Each structure stands twice: as C-alpha cells, then as structure tokens.
N, C-alpha and C. Protein backbone atom coordinates (compact mmCIF):
# COMPACT_ATOMS: atom_id res chain seq x y z
N MET A 1 -19.01 -13.77 1.71
CA MET A 1 -19.50 -12.46 1.45
C MET A 1 -20.30 -12.31 0.17
N PRO A 2 -21.26 -13.05 -0.02
CA PRO A 2 -22.02 -13.12 -1.25
C PRO A 2 -22.75 -11.69 -1.48
N GLY A 3 -22.76 -11.41 -2.83
CA GLY A 3 -23.48 -10.15 -3.10
C GLY A 3 -22.52 -8.86 -3.08
N GLN A 4 -21.27 -8.99 -2.65
CA GLN A 4 -20.56 -7.84 -2.45
C GLN A 4 -20.11 -7.27 -3.84
N THR A 5 -20.06 -5.97 -3.74
CA THR A 5 -19.60 -5.24 -4.95
C THR A 5 -18.24 -4.68 -4.75
N PHE A 6 -17.35 -4.90 -5.66
CA PHE A 6 -15.93 -4.46 -5.50
C PHE A 6 -15.67 -3.38 -6.61
N VAL A 7 -14.74 -2.41 -6.19
CA VAL A 7 -14.17 -1.49 -7.20
C VAL A 7 -12.71 -1.63 -7.20
N GLU A 8 -12.21 -1.36 -8.46
CA GLU A 8 -10.74 -1.43 -8.48
C GLU A 8 -10.12 -0.26 -7.84
N ALA A 9 -8.99 -0.43 -7.18
CA ALA A 9 -8.32 0.52 -6.33
C ALA A 9 -6.85 0.61 -6.54
N GLU A 10 -6.24 1.59 -6.00
CA GLU A 10 -4.63 1.59 -6.10
C GLU A 10 -4.18 1.75 -4.70
N ILE A 11 -2.88 1.40 -4.53
CA ILE A 11 -2.19 1.76 -3.31
C ILE A 11 -1.81 3.06 -3.46
N TRP A 12 -2.39 4.01 -2.87
CA TRP A 12 -2.22 5.44 -3.11
C TRP A 12 -0.88 5.92 -2.59
N THR A 13 -0.72 5.57 -1.19
CA THR A 13 0.44 6.01 -0.49
C THR A 13 0.61 5.25 0.67
N VAL A 14 1.78 5.20 1.23
CA VAL A 14 2.12 4.76 2.61
C VAL A 14 2.76 5.86 3.49
N ALA A 15 2.27 6.07 4.71
CA ALA A 15 2.86 7.24 5.46
C ALA A 15 2.89 6.79 6.89
N GLN A 16 3.69 7.70 7.45
CA GLN A 16 3.81 7.60 9.02
C GLN A 16 3.02 8.78 9.52
N THR A 17 2.10 8.31 10.60
CA THR A 17 1.26 9.24 11.18
C THR A 17 1.47 9.26 12.64
N ASP A 18 0.99 10.18 13.47
CA ASP A 18 0.96 10.13 14.93
C ASP A 18 0.46 8.80 15.49
N GLN A 19 -0.40 8.26 14.76
CA GLN A 19 -1.23 7.05 15.17
C GLN A 19 -0.47 5.76 14.76
N GLY A 20 0.50 5.88 13.94
CA GLY A 20 1.25 4.69 13.38
C GLY A 20 1.43 4.74 11.89
N ASN A 21 1.91 3.66 11.31
CA ASN A 21 2.01 3.63 9.80
C ASN A 21 0.65 3.24 9.29
N VAL A 22 0.46 3.85 8.05
CA VAL A 22 -0.89 3.65 7.31
C VAL A 22 -0.65 3.41 5.88
N VAL A 23 -1.43 2.61 5.30
CA VAL A 23 -1.36 2.50 3.79
C VAL A 23 -2.81 3.01 3.44
N LEU A 24 -2.76 3.85 2.35
CA LEU A 24 -4.05 4.43 1.97
C LEU A 24 -4.45 3.75 0.60
N VAL A 25 -5.62 3.01 0.60
CA VAL A 25 -6.13 2.32 -0.64
C VAL A 25 -7.17 3.28 -1.18
N ARG A 26 -7.00 3.62 -2.39
CA ARG A 26 -7.90 4.66 -3.07
C ARG A 26 -8.64 4.02 -4.17
N PRO A 27 -9.99 3.90 -4.18
CA PRO A 27 -10.74 3.42 -5.39
C PRO A 27 -10.40 4.36 -6.54
N LYS A 28 -10.15 3.76 -7.69
CA LYS A 28 -9.72 4.50 -8.91
C LYS A 28 -10.81 5.56 -9.20
N GLY A 29 -10.37 6.86 -9.32
CA GLY A 29 -11.35 7.86 -9.82
C GLY A 29 -12.19 8.33 -8.57
N SER A 30 -11.86 7.98 -7.46
CA SER A 30 -12.64 8.41 -6.18
C SER A 30 -11.96 9.49 -5.56
N ASP A 31 -12.69 10.29 -4.79
CA ASP A 31 -12.18 11.33 -3.93
C ASP A 31 -12.21 10.77 -2.54
N LEU A 32 -12.21 9.46 -2.32
CA LEU A 32 -12.03 8.92 -0.95
C LEU A 32 -10.84 7.94 -1.01
N ALA A 33 -10.26 7.81 0.12
CA ALA A 33 -9.26 6.80 0.42
C ALA A 33 -9.45 6.14 1.76
N VAL A 34 -9.05 4.81 1.82
CA VAL A 34 -9.33 4.03 3.00
C VAL A 34 -8.03 3.94 3.65
N PRO A 35 -7.88 4.41 4.83
CA PRO A 35 -6.65 4.23 5.70
C PRO A 35 -6.65 2.97 6.45
N ILE A 36 -5.60 2.11 6.20
CA ILE A 36 -5.40 0.85 6.88
C ILE A 36 -4.13 0.96 7.66
N PHE A 37 -4.28 0.89 8.93
CA PHE A 37 -2.98 0.92 9.78
C PHE A 37 -2.36 -0.38 9.78
N ILE A 38 -1.02 -0.27 9.61
CA ILE A 38 -0.22 -1.51 9.44
C ILE A 38 1.06 -1.41 10.39
N GLY A 39 1.69 -2.60 10.52
CA GLY A 39 2.87 -2.58 11.36
C GLY A 39 4.10 -2.15 10.65
N GLN A 40 5.29 -1.92 11.37
CA GLN A 40 6.54 -1.38 10.67
C GLN A 40 7.01 -2.36 9.74
N LEU A 41 7.17 -3.56 10.12
CA LEU A 41 7.71 -4.58 9.03
C LEU A 41 6.92 -4.64 7.76
N GLU A 42 5.59 -4.57 7.85
CA GLU A 42 4.68 -4.58 6.76
C GLU A 42 4.85 -3.34 5.87
N THR A 43 4.98 -2.16 6.59
CA THR A 43 5.27 -0.91 5.96
C THR A 43 6.56 -1.13 5.13
N GLN A 44 7.61 -1.46 5.72
CA GLN A 44 8.87 -1.60 5.04
C GLN A 44 8.72 -2.48 3.87
N SER A 45 7.98 -3.63 3.85
CA SER A 45 7.90 -4.47 2.83
C SER A 45 7.12 -3.92 1.68
N ILE A 46 6.07 -3.19 1.95
CA ILE A 46 5.20 -2.51 1.05
C ILE A 46 6.03 -1.49 0.22
N LEU A 47 6.73 -0.66 0.95
CA LEU A 47 7.53 0.41 0.29
C LEU A 47 8.55 -0.08 -0.50
N ILE A 48 9.25 -1.19 -0.11
CA ILE A 48 10.27 -1.87 -0.94
C ILE A 48 9.67 -2.35 -2.15
N GLY A 49 8.48 -2.99 -2.11
CA GLY A 49 7.78 -3.43 -3.20
C GLY A 49 7.35 -2.32 -4.24
N MET A 50 6.85 -1.25 -3.68
CA MET A 50 6.32 -0.16 -4.48
C MET A 50 7.48 0.45 -5.13
N GLY A 51 8.64 0.71 -4.39
CA GLY A 51 9.76 1.32 -4.94
C GLY A 51 10.65 0.35 -5.84
N LYS A 52 10.26 -0.80 -5.96
CA LYS A 52 11.12 -1.73 -6.77
C LYS A 52 12.53 -1.75 -6.13
N VAL A 53 12.74 -1.63 -4.88
CA VAL A 53 14.05 -1.68 -4.33
C VAL A 53 14.55 -3.18 -4.40
N GLU A 54 15.73 -3.36 -4.85
CA GLU A 54 16.39 -4.67 -4.97
C GLU A 54 16.96 -4.90 -3.64
N VAL A 55 16.69 -6.18 -3.21
CA VAL A 55 17.34 -6.55 -1.91
C VAL A 55 18.11 -7.79 -2.15
N PRO A 56 19.21 -8.04 -1.41
CA PRO A 56 20.05 -9.18 -1.65
C PRO A 56 19.51 -10.52 -1.50
N ARG A 57 18.49 -10.57 -0.66
CA ARG A 57 17.90 -11.93 -0.28
C ARG A 57 16.40 -11.67 -0.29
N PRO A 58 15.57 -12.68 -0.71
CA PRO A 58 14.05 -12.48 -0.74
C PRO A 58 13.49 -12.23 0.70
N LEU A 59 12.62 -11.28 0.65
CA LEU A 59 11.83 -10.96 1.87
C LEU A 59 10.65 -11.90 1.80
N THR A 60 9.87 -11.85 2.95
CA THR A 60 8.78 -12.82 3.21
C THR A 60 7.71 -12.69 1.95
N HIS A 61 7.34 -11.53 1.52
CA HIS A 61 6.39 -11.42 0.38
C HIS A 61 7.06 -12.06 -1.01
N ASP A 62 8.40 -11.77 -1.11
CA ASP A 62 9.04 -12.39 -2.23
C ASP A 62 8.98 -13.93 -2.21
N LEU A 63 9.25 -14.38 -1.02
CA LEU A 63 9.28 -15.87 -0.86
C LEU A 63 7.81 -16.43 -1.12
N ALA A 64 6.85 -15.72 -0.66
CA ALA A 64 5.45 -16.30 -0.83
C ALA A 64 5.18 -16.30 -2.31
N LEU A 65 5.59 -15.26 -3.11
CA LEU A 65 5.27 -15.24 -4.59
C LEU A 65 6.17 -16.30 -5.20
N SER A 66 7.39 -16.60 -4.76
CA SER A 66 8.16 -17.72 -5.37
C SER A 66 7.37 -19.00 -5.02
N LEU A 67 6.94 -19.23 -3.91
CA LEU A 67 6.27 -20.54 -3.65
C LEU A 67 4.93 -20.61 -4.43
N ILE A 68 4.28 -19.57 -4.54
CA ILE A 68 2.99 -19.63 -5.36
C ILE A 68 3.45 -19.95 -6.81
N GLY A 69 4.39 -19.36 -7.38
CA GLY A 69 4.84 -19.57 -8.74
C GLY A 69 5.44 -21.09 -8.95
N SER A 70 6.14 -21.50 -8.02
CA SER A 70 6.66 -22.92 -7.91
C SER A 70 5.51 -24.03 -7.95
N LEU A 71 4.44 -23.59 -7.34
CA LEU A 71 3.25 -24.55 -7.33
C LEU A 71 2.49 -24.53 -8.64
N GLY A 72 2.81 -23.60 -9.53
CA GLY A 72 2.08 -23.55 -10.76
C GLY A 72 0.93 -22.55 -10.70
N ALA A 73 0.84 -21.81 -9.69
CA ALA A 73 -0.20 -20.80 -9.49
C ALA A 73 0.14 -19.48 -9.78
N ALA A 74 -0.78 -18.50 -10.00
CA ALA A 74 -0.47 -17.07 -10.13
C ALA A 74 -1.44 -16.26 -9.37
N VAL A 75 -0.90 -15.06 -8.89
CA VAL A 75 -1.76 -14.23 -8.17
C VAL A 75 -2.60 -13.38 -9.25
N SER A 76 -3.87 -13.49 -9.18
CA SER A 76 -4.76 -12.73 -10.15
C SER A 76 -5.17 -11.39 -9.73
N ARG A 77 -5.35 -11.26 -8.31
CA ARG A 77 -5.82 -10.06 -7.71
C ARG A 77 -5.77 -10.11 -6.23
N VAL A 78 -5.91 -8.93 -5.52
CA VAL A 78 -6.08 -9.06 -4.02
C VAL A 78 -7.32 -8.12 -3.83
N GLU A 79 -8.07 -8.48 -2.82
CA GLU A 79 -9.30 -7.78 -2.40
C GLU A 79 -9.20 -7.42 -0.90
N VAL A 80 -9.53 -6.11 -0.65
CA VAL A 80 -9.86 -5.78 0.81
C VAL A 80 -11.43 -5.90 0.77
N CYS A 81 -11.85 -6.96 1.59
CA CYS A 81 -13.17 -7.41 1.49
C CYS A 81 -14.14 -7.16 2.60
N ASP A 82 -13.49 -6.84 3.74
CA ASP A 82 -14.46 -6.62 4.86
C ASP A 82 -13.81 -5.76 5.94
N LEU A 83 -14.64 -5.22 6.79
CA LEU A 83 -14.28 -4.47 7.95
C LEU A 83 -15.15 -4.83 9.06
N ARG A 84 -14.60 -5.50 10.11
CA ARG A 84 -15.46 -5.90 11.10
C ARG A 84 -14.75 -5.43 12.57
N GLU A 85 -15.55 -4.71 13.40
CA GLU A 85 -15.08 -4.34 14.71
C GLU A 85 -13.68 -3.64 14.56
N GLY A 86 -13.53 -2.75 13.55
CA GLY A 86 -12.24 -2.12 13.37
C GLY A 86 -11.16 -2.82 12.80
N THR A 87 -11.38 -4.12 12.28
CA THR A 87 -10.33 -4.99 11.75
C THR A 87 -10.70 -5.15 10.30
N PHE A 88 -9.75 -4.82 9.38
CA PHE A 88 -9.88 -5.06 7.95
C PHE A 88 -9.43 -6.50 7.56
N PHE A 89 -10.15 -7.01 6.65
CA PHE A 89 -9.90 -8.41 6.10
C PHE A 89 -9.65 -8.33 4.59
N ALA A 90 -8.77 -9.22 4.17
CA ALA A 90 -8.45 -9.32 2.76
C ALA A 90 -8.29 -10.63 2.31
N ARG A 91 -8.21 -10.92 0.98
CA ARG A 91 -8.00 -12.25 0.48
C ARG A 91 -7.19 -11.98 -0.79
N ILE A 92 -6.40 -13.08 -1.18
CA ILE A 92 -5.50 -13.06 -2.26
C ILE A 92 -6.19 -14.07 -3.24
N ALA A 93 -6.34 -13.67 -4.36
CA ALA A 93 -7.11 -14.54 -5.48
C ALA A 93 -5.92 -15.19 -6.38
N LEU A 94 -5.91 -16.54 -6.16
CA LEU A 94 -4.79 -17.19 -7.01
C LEU A 94 -5.56 -18.11 -8.17
N THR A 95 -4.95 -18.17 -9.27
CA THR A 95 -5.48 -19.15 -10.21
C THR A 95 -4.48 -20.31 -10.42
N LEU A 96 -5.02 -21.46 -10.46
CA LEU A 96 -4.27 -22.77 -10.46
C LEU A 96 -5.11 -23.65 -11.39
N GLU A 97 -4.45 -24.08 -12.39
CA GLU A 97 -5.05 -25.01 -13.36
C GLU A 97 -6.57 -24.58 -13.82
N GLY A 98 -6.71 -23.31 -14.11
CA GLY A 98 -8.01 -22.84 -14.57
C GLY A 98 -9.00 -22.69 -13.41
N ARG A 99 -8.60 -22.79 -12.17
CA ARG A 99 -9.66 -22.55 -11.12
C ARG A 99 -9.06 -21.45 -10.18
N GLU A 100 -10.07 -20.84 -9.55
CA GLU A 100 -9.72 -19.71 -8.66
C GLU A 100 -9.67 -20.25 -7.12
N ILE A 101 -8.56 -19.78 -6.41
CA ILE A 101 -8.58 -20.13 -5.01
C ILE A 101 -8.42 -18.76 -4.35
N LEU A 102 -9.27 -18.57 -3.29
CA LEU A 102 -9.25 -17.46 -2.44
C LEU A 102 -8.51 -17.72 -1.12
N VAL A 103 -7.47 -17.04 -0.83
CA VAL A 103 -6.78 -17.22 0.32
C VAL A 103 -6.89 -16.09 1.40
N ASP A 104 -7.38 -16.30 2.67
CA ASP A 104 -7.59 -15.27 3.66
C ASP A 104 -6.15 -14.64 4.00
N SER A 105 -6.24 -13.39 4.14
CA SER A 105 -5.03 -12.66 4.37
C SER A 105 -5.32 -11.41 5.20
N ARG A 106 -4.22 -10.93 5.83
CA ARG A 106 -4.15 -9.61 6.49
C ARG A 106 -4.11 -8.64 5.32
N PRO A 107 -4.67 -7.43 5.22
CA PRO A 107 -4.59 -6.47 4.28
C PRO A 107 -3.04 -6.03 3.87
N SER A 108 -2.36 -6.03 4.89
CA SER A 108 -0.93 -5.57 4.77
C SER A 108 -0.17 -6.63 3.95
N ASP A 109 -0.44 -7.82 4.24
CA ASP A 109 0.28 -8.91 3.48
C ASP A 109 -0.29 -9.06 2.02
N ALA A 110 -1.65 -8.91 1.98
CA ALA A 110 -2.10 -8.97 0.51
C ALA A 110 -1.50 -7.79 -0.17
N ILE A 111 -1.44 -6.59 0.31
CA ILE A 111 -0.90 -5.48 -0.43
C ILE A 111 0.58 -5.74 -0.75
N GLY A 112 1.34 -6.31 0.17
CA GLY A 112 2.75 -6.63 0.03
C GLY A 112 2.90 -7.62 -1.17
N ILE A 113 1.97 -8.45 -1.38
CA ILE A 113 1.99 -9.41 -2.51
C ILE A 113 1.63 -8.66 -3.76
N ALA A 114 0.56 -7.79 -3.59
CA ALA A 114 0.04 -7.06 -4.91
C ALA A 114 1.12 -6.24 -5.47
N VAL A 115 1.86 -5.45 -4.55
CA VAL A 115 2.86 -4.53 -5.28
C VAL A 115 3.98 -5.23 -5.88
N ARG A 116 4.21 -6.59 -5.40
CA ARG A 116 5.30 -7.30 -6.21
C ARG A 116 4.75 -7.96 -7.36
N ALA A 117 3.54 -8.47 -7.28
CA ALA A 117 2.90 -9.30 -8.46
C ALA A 117 2.40 -8.34 -9.44
N ALA A 118 2.35 -7.01 -9.20
CA ALA A 118 1.66 -6.00 -10.15
C ALA A 118 0.26 -6.56 -10.55
N CYS A 119 -0.34 -6.94 -9.59
CA CYS A 119 -1.77 -7.42 -10.00
C CYS A 119 -2.81 -6.41 -9.58
N PRO A 120 -4.09 -6.44 -9.97
CA PRO A 120 -5.09 -5.47 -9.53
C PRO A 120 -5.44 -5.68 -7.99
N VAL A 121 -5.83 -4.48 -7.50
CA VAL A 121 -6.30 -4.47 -6.23
C VAL A 121 -7.73 -4.07 -6.14
N PHE A 122 -8.54 -4.68 -5.41
CA PHE A 122 -9.94 -4.28 -5.39
C PHE A 122 -10.41 -4.11 -3.86
N ILE A 123 -11.36 -3.36 -3.67
CA ILE A 123 -11.84 -3.02 -2.30
C ILE A 123 -13.32 -3.05 -2.40
N ALA A 124 -13.91 -3.66 -1.39
CA ALA A 124 -15.45 -3.67 -1.36
C ALA A 124 -15.99 -2.23 -1.09
N GLU A 125 -17.12 -2.11 -1.89
CA GLU A 125 -17.72 -0.72 -1.75
C GLU A 125 -18.26 -0.46 -0.33
N ALA A 126 -18.65 -1.43 0.28
CA ALA A 126 -19.16 -1.22 1.79
C ALA A 126 -18.03 -0.83 2.69
N VAL A 127 -16.79 -1.37 2.36
CA VAL A 127 -15.60 -0.96 3.11
C VAL A 127 -15.29 0.52 2.96
N VAL A 128 -15.34 0.93 1.61
CA VAL A 128 -15.15 2.35 1.22
C VAL A 128 -16.21 3.22 1.95
N GLU A 129 -17.46 2.85 1.88
CA GLU A 129 -18.52 3.55 2.48
C GLU A 129 -18.31 3.80 4.02
N GLU A 130 -17.86 2.67 4.72
CA GLU A 130 -17.69 2.70 6.15
C GLU A 130 -16.32 3.39 6.60
N ALA A 131 -15.32 3.27 5.85
CA ALA A 131 -14.06 3.77 6.37
C ALA A 131 -13.30 4.72 5.48
N GLY A 132 -13.91 5.11 4.39
CA GLY A 132 -13.27 6.02 3.46
C GLY A 132 -13.29 7.50 4.04
N ILE A 133 -12.14 8.16 3.71
CA ILE A 133 -12.06 9.55 4.13
C ILE A 133 -11.70 10.37 2.84
N SER A 134 -11.94 11.64 2.89
CA SER A 134 -11.73 12.47 1.78
C SER A 134 -10.29 12.67 1.52
N VAL A 135 -9.93 12.57 0.23
CA VAL A 135 -8.44 12.74 -0.05
C VAL A 135 -8.06 14.25 0.32
N ASN A 136 -9.02 15.07 0.32
CA ASN A 136 -8.71 16.55 0.81
C ASN A 136 -8.11 16.44 2.17
N LEU A 137 -8.59 15.80 3.02
CA LEU A 137 -8.15 15.61 4.30
C LEU A 137 -6.73 15.04 4.38
N VAL A 138 -6.46 14.12 3.58
CA VAL A 138 -5.12 13.49 3.52
C VAL A 138 -4.14 14.52 2.99
N ASN A 139 -4.59 15.37 1.91
CA ASN A 139 -3.70 16.27 1.32
C ASN A 139 -3.43 17.59 2.22
N GLY A 140 -4.11 17.48 3.36
CA GLY A 140 -3.85 18.58 4.34
C GLY A 140 -4.88 19.80 3.93
N GLN A 141 -5.86 19.62 3.20
CA GLN A 141 -6.68 20.62 2.78
C GLN A 141 -8.13 20.54 3.50
N ALA A 142 -8.06 20.20 4.70
CA ALA A 142 -9.33 20.04 5.49
C ALA A 142 -9.87 21.47 5.71
N GLY A 143 -11.15 21.31 5.93
CA GLY A 143 -11.90 22.54 6.29
C GLY A 143 -11.52 23.00 7.62
N GLU A 144 -12.11 24.18 8.01
CA GLU A 144 -11.84 24.61 9.39
C GLU A 144 -12.24 23.78 10.45
N GLY A 145 -11.42 23.44 11.47
CA GLY A 145 -11.91 22.53 12.62
C GLY A 145 -11.69 21.18 12.24
N GLU A 146 -11.15 20.73 10.98
CA GLU A 146 -10.92 19.36 10.65
C GLU A 146 -9.38 19.17 10.41
N PRO A 147 -8.78 18.52 11.34
CA PRO A 147 -7.33 18.30 11.24
C PRO A 147 -7.01 17.32 10.07
N PRO A 148 -5.94 17.51 9.32
CA PRO A 148 -5.64 16.55 8.31
C PRO A 148 -5.17 15.23 8.97
N VAL A 149 -5.54 14.14 8.30
CA VAL A 149 -5.15 12.85 8.84
C VAL A 149 -3.63 12.60 8.85
N LEU A 150 -3.07 13.06 7.64
CA LEU A 150 -1.62 12.93 7.48
C LEU A 150 -0.93 14.32 7.36
N PRO A 151 0.23 14.53 7.77
CA PRO A 151 0.96 15.82 7.58
C PRO A 151 1.05 16.11 6.06
N SER A 152 0.97 17.35 5.66
CA SER A 152 1.24 17.70 4.34
C SER A 152 2.61 17.22 3.88
N LEU A 153 2.59 16.69 2.68
CA LEU A 153 3.85 16.24 2.04
C LEU A 153 4.52 17.31 1.18
N ALA A 154 4.01 18.59 1.33
CA ALA A 154 4.57 19.64 0.52
C ALA A 154 5.97 19.89 1.14
N SER A 155 6.88 20.32 0.29
CA SER A 155 8.29 20.61 0.72
C SER A 155 8.79 21.84 0.19
N ALA A 156 9.78 22.37 0.92
CA ALA A 156 10.44 23.68 0.47
C ALA A 156 11.27 23.34 -0.78
N GLU A 157 11.57 24.33 -1.66
CA GLU A 157 12.35 24.12 -2.76
C GLU A 157 13.66 23.62 -2.32
N GLY A 158 14.23 22.76 -3.08
CA GLY A 158 15.53 22.24 -2.82
C GLY A 158 15.55 20.95 -2.04
N GLU A 159 14.33 20.44 -1.56
CA GLU A 159 14.34 19.19 -0.73
C GLU A 159 14.58 17.95 -1.51
N ALA A 160 14.24 18.00 -2.89
CA ALA A 160 14.42 16.76 -3.84
C ALA A 160 15.93 16.40 -3.79
N PRO A 161 16.92 17.36 -4.01
CA PRO A 161 18.17 16.81 -4.07
C PRO A 161 18.79 16.30 -2.75
N ARG A 162 18.28 16.90 -1.65
CA ARG A 162 18.72 16.35 -0.44
C ARG A 162 18.09 14.95 -0.21
N LEU A 163 16.83 14.70 -0.60
CA LEU A 163 16.25 13.38 -0.46
C LEU A 163 16.96 12.36 -1.35
N ARG A 164 17.39 12.81 -2.64
CA ARG A 164 18.11 11.82 -3.49
C ARG A 164 19.44 11.41 -2.89
N ALA A 165 20.12 12.42 -2.26
CA ALA A 165 21.37 12.05 -1.61
C ALA A 165 21.18 11.16 -0.41
N GLU A 166 20.12 11.33 0.39
CA GLU A 166 19.80 10.51 1.58
C GLU A 166 19.46 9.11 0.91
N LEU A 167 18.72 9.04 -0.03
CA LEU A 167 18.28 7.74 -0.73
C LEU A 167 19.50 6.87 -1.07
N GLU A 168 20.38 7.55 -1.85
CA GLU A 168 21.76 6.89 -2.23
C GLU A 168 22.48 6.47 -0.98
N GLN A 169 22.47 7.09 0.10
CA GLN A 169 23.21 6.82 1.30
C GLN A 169 22.44 5.63 1.98
N ALA A 170 21.16 5.66 2.05
CA ALA A 170 20.36 4.56 2.64
C ALA A 170 20.58 3.21 1.90
N ILE A 171 20.77 3.38 0.63
CA ILE A 171 20.82 2.17 -0.22
C ILE A 171 22.26 1.60 -0.02
N SER A 172 23.13 2.40 0.04
CA SER A 172 24.52 1.98 0.15
C SER A 172 24.83 1.32 1.63
N GLU A 173 23.94 1.92 2.63
CA GLU A 173 24.03 1.25 3.99
C GLU A 173 23.21 0.03 4.15
N GLU A 174 22.44 -0.31 3.04
CA GLU A 174 21.48 -1.35 3.08
C GLU A 174 20.39 -1.21 4.04
N ASP A 175 19.99 0.10 4.22
CA ASP A 175 18.80 0.46 5.10
C ASP A 175 17.62 0.57 4.26
N TYR A 176 17.07 -0.53 3.84
CA TYR A 176 16.07 -0.64 2.71
C TYR A 176 14.73 0.06 3.23
N GLU A 177 14.37 -0.04 4.51
CA GLU A 177 13.29 0.57 5.08
C GLU A 177 13.23 2.07 4.72
N ARG A 178 14.40 2.65 5.15
CA ARG A 178 14.58 4.06 5.03
C ARG A 178 14.59 4.39 3.51
N ALA A 179 15.27 3.65 2.64
CA ALA A 179 15.36 3.88 1.34
C ALA A 179 14.03 3.91 0.65
N ALA A 180 13.17 2.90 0.97
CA ALA A 180 11.82 2.88 0.44
C ALA A 180 11.04 4.19 0.87
N ILE A 181 11.13 4.55 2.07
CA ILE A 181 10.38 5.71 2.60
C ILE A 181 10.90 7.01 1.78
N LEU A 182 12.15 7.15 1.64
CA LEU A 182 12.74 8.28 0.90
C LEU A 182 12.24 8.30 -0.55
N ARG A 183 12.36 7.19 -1.16
CA ARG A 183 12.03 6.94 -2.59
C ARG A 183 10.52 7.29 -2.72
N ASP A 184 9.63 6.95 -1.72
CA ASP A 184 8.24 7.31 -1.75
C ASP A 184 8.04 8.84 -1.64
N ARG A 185 8.84 9.36 -0.72
CA ARG A 185 8.68 10.87 -0.59
C ARG A 185 9.25 11.66 -1.91
N LEU A 186 10.21 11.26 -2.41
CA LEU A 186 10.82 11.72 -3.57
C LEU A 186 9.89 11.68 -4.76
N LYS A 187 9.24 10.53 -4.89
CA LYS A 187 8.23 10.30 -5.90
C LYS A 187 7.19 11.17 -5.80
N GLY A 188 6.69 11.57 -4.52
CA GLY A 188 5.55 12.49 -4.18
C GLY A 188 5.94 13.92 -4.67
N LEU A 189 7.22 14.26 -4.28
CA LEU A 189 7.69 15.62 -4.62
C LEU A 189 7.76 15.85 -6.18
N GLU A 190 8.12 14.82 -6.89
CA GLU A 190 8.49 15.00 -8.31
C GLU A 190 7.13 14.75 -9.11
N GLY A 191 6.01 14.71 -8.50
CA GLY A 191 4.69 14.51 -9.13
C GLY A 191 4.36 13.16 -9.63
N GLY A 192 5.07 12.07 -9.18
CA GLY A 192 4.83 10.69 -9.51
C GLY A 192 3.85 10.04 -8.64
N ALA A 193 3.34 10.60 -7.55
CA ALA A 193 2.46 10.00 -6.62
C ALA A 193 1.12 9.72 -7.12
C-alpha cells in the first residue's frame, strides 16, 4: 500500500450493538470514529487488555506478546491499513535487530495486541474517509431521522455504585468478559472514557 497516509488513533471504545460487537477506532483530534465489528472472543480480549484485568493464565494475545518478546522483537505500532469489500485489514509492526517487520493481522487481533503492548495505533486516512462516522452519532446526538449507531451510555444517578458491585462480583466469579465490559461502562460514567 505505497503512498498511504496514516494518522495516529486511539481505541475509543468497545460496545455491543444490535448488529454485534464493535470497536471504535478514533483518529486523535477527529470528530470521526471508524466502527469495526469484531467477534465475542476478540471483544473479551480487547476489554480485558483495556481494563488491565489480571487473568490467572495468559490469553492468546498475552501469549503472542510473550512469543514476540522471547524472540527478541518488540511491537512498535499497529496499523488499520485497508478496507476492501467491507473487510478491514491491519498489520502489526515489529522491530527486530534494528529492522522493521510488518505482520498481516485481523484488526481485532492487532488491537488486542496494541492494548497490551501500549503501543501506538494508526489508521489509514483512506479508511477513515470511507468508513468514518461522526462521533455525535455514536454519542446518541444524531440529527432528526438519523438513529444513533450505539445506544447512549448515559446513566441514571446511582448506577456507578451498582456497576462497581457487579464488577467486584464478576471478578470474584472469574467472569472476565463481563468484568471488562463493566469496567469499561464504569470508566465511561466516571468521565475516563
């Protein structure tokens, strides 16, 4: 993909919608976000990585990072680099002995690695132009006749203590998927999103 221009982005949020699970990648400083639909297991892994939830045994993305490190390489960045026929493409940039290696990846796996490695995430400007949606739509502030893509995350007063209690219970029951989702919701309520 020669001549591509990339912008730095953030993993803005992960949510459940009527259409499935989605991770929203938002270019820094932009009023657009790119929704990428992902599977349930990938959602769980990303949320666990974002929430820094400790698990008793390494998950797949933890294992991948361990293997990369054991080989003397490091993850330098991930890129969401293309969108073809409705399918997003990504790659993981590794550095090994002073050279860069680009590894093809599904975006969900690249993001799962990025949230654990705390490395920068980039997205191709062409992907943002093609698939970006207004953050106002995501926030439930769509104009008349434009339904929001995600339900509003606003909550009634008092929901935060209930979510904290549910989070503690989910962790004690080792339900890490639910714990990560609850932690993400709680973070959003408390203004950390």
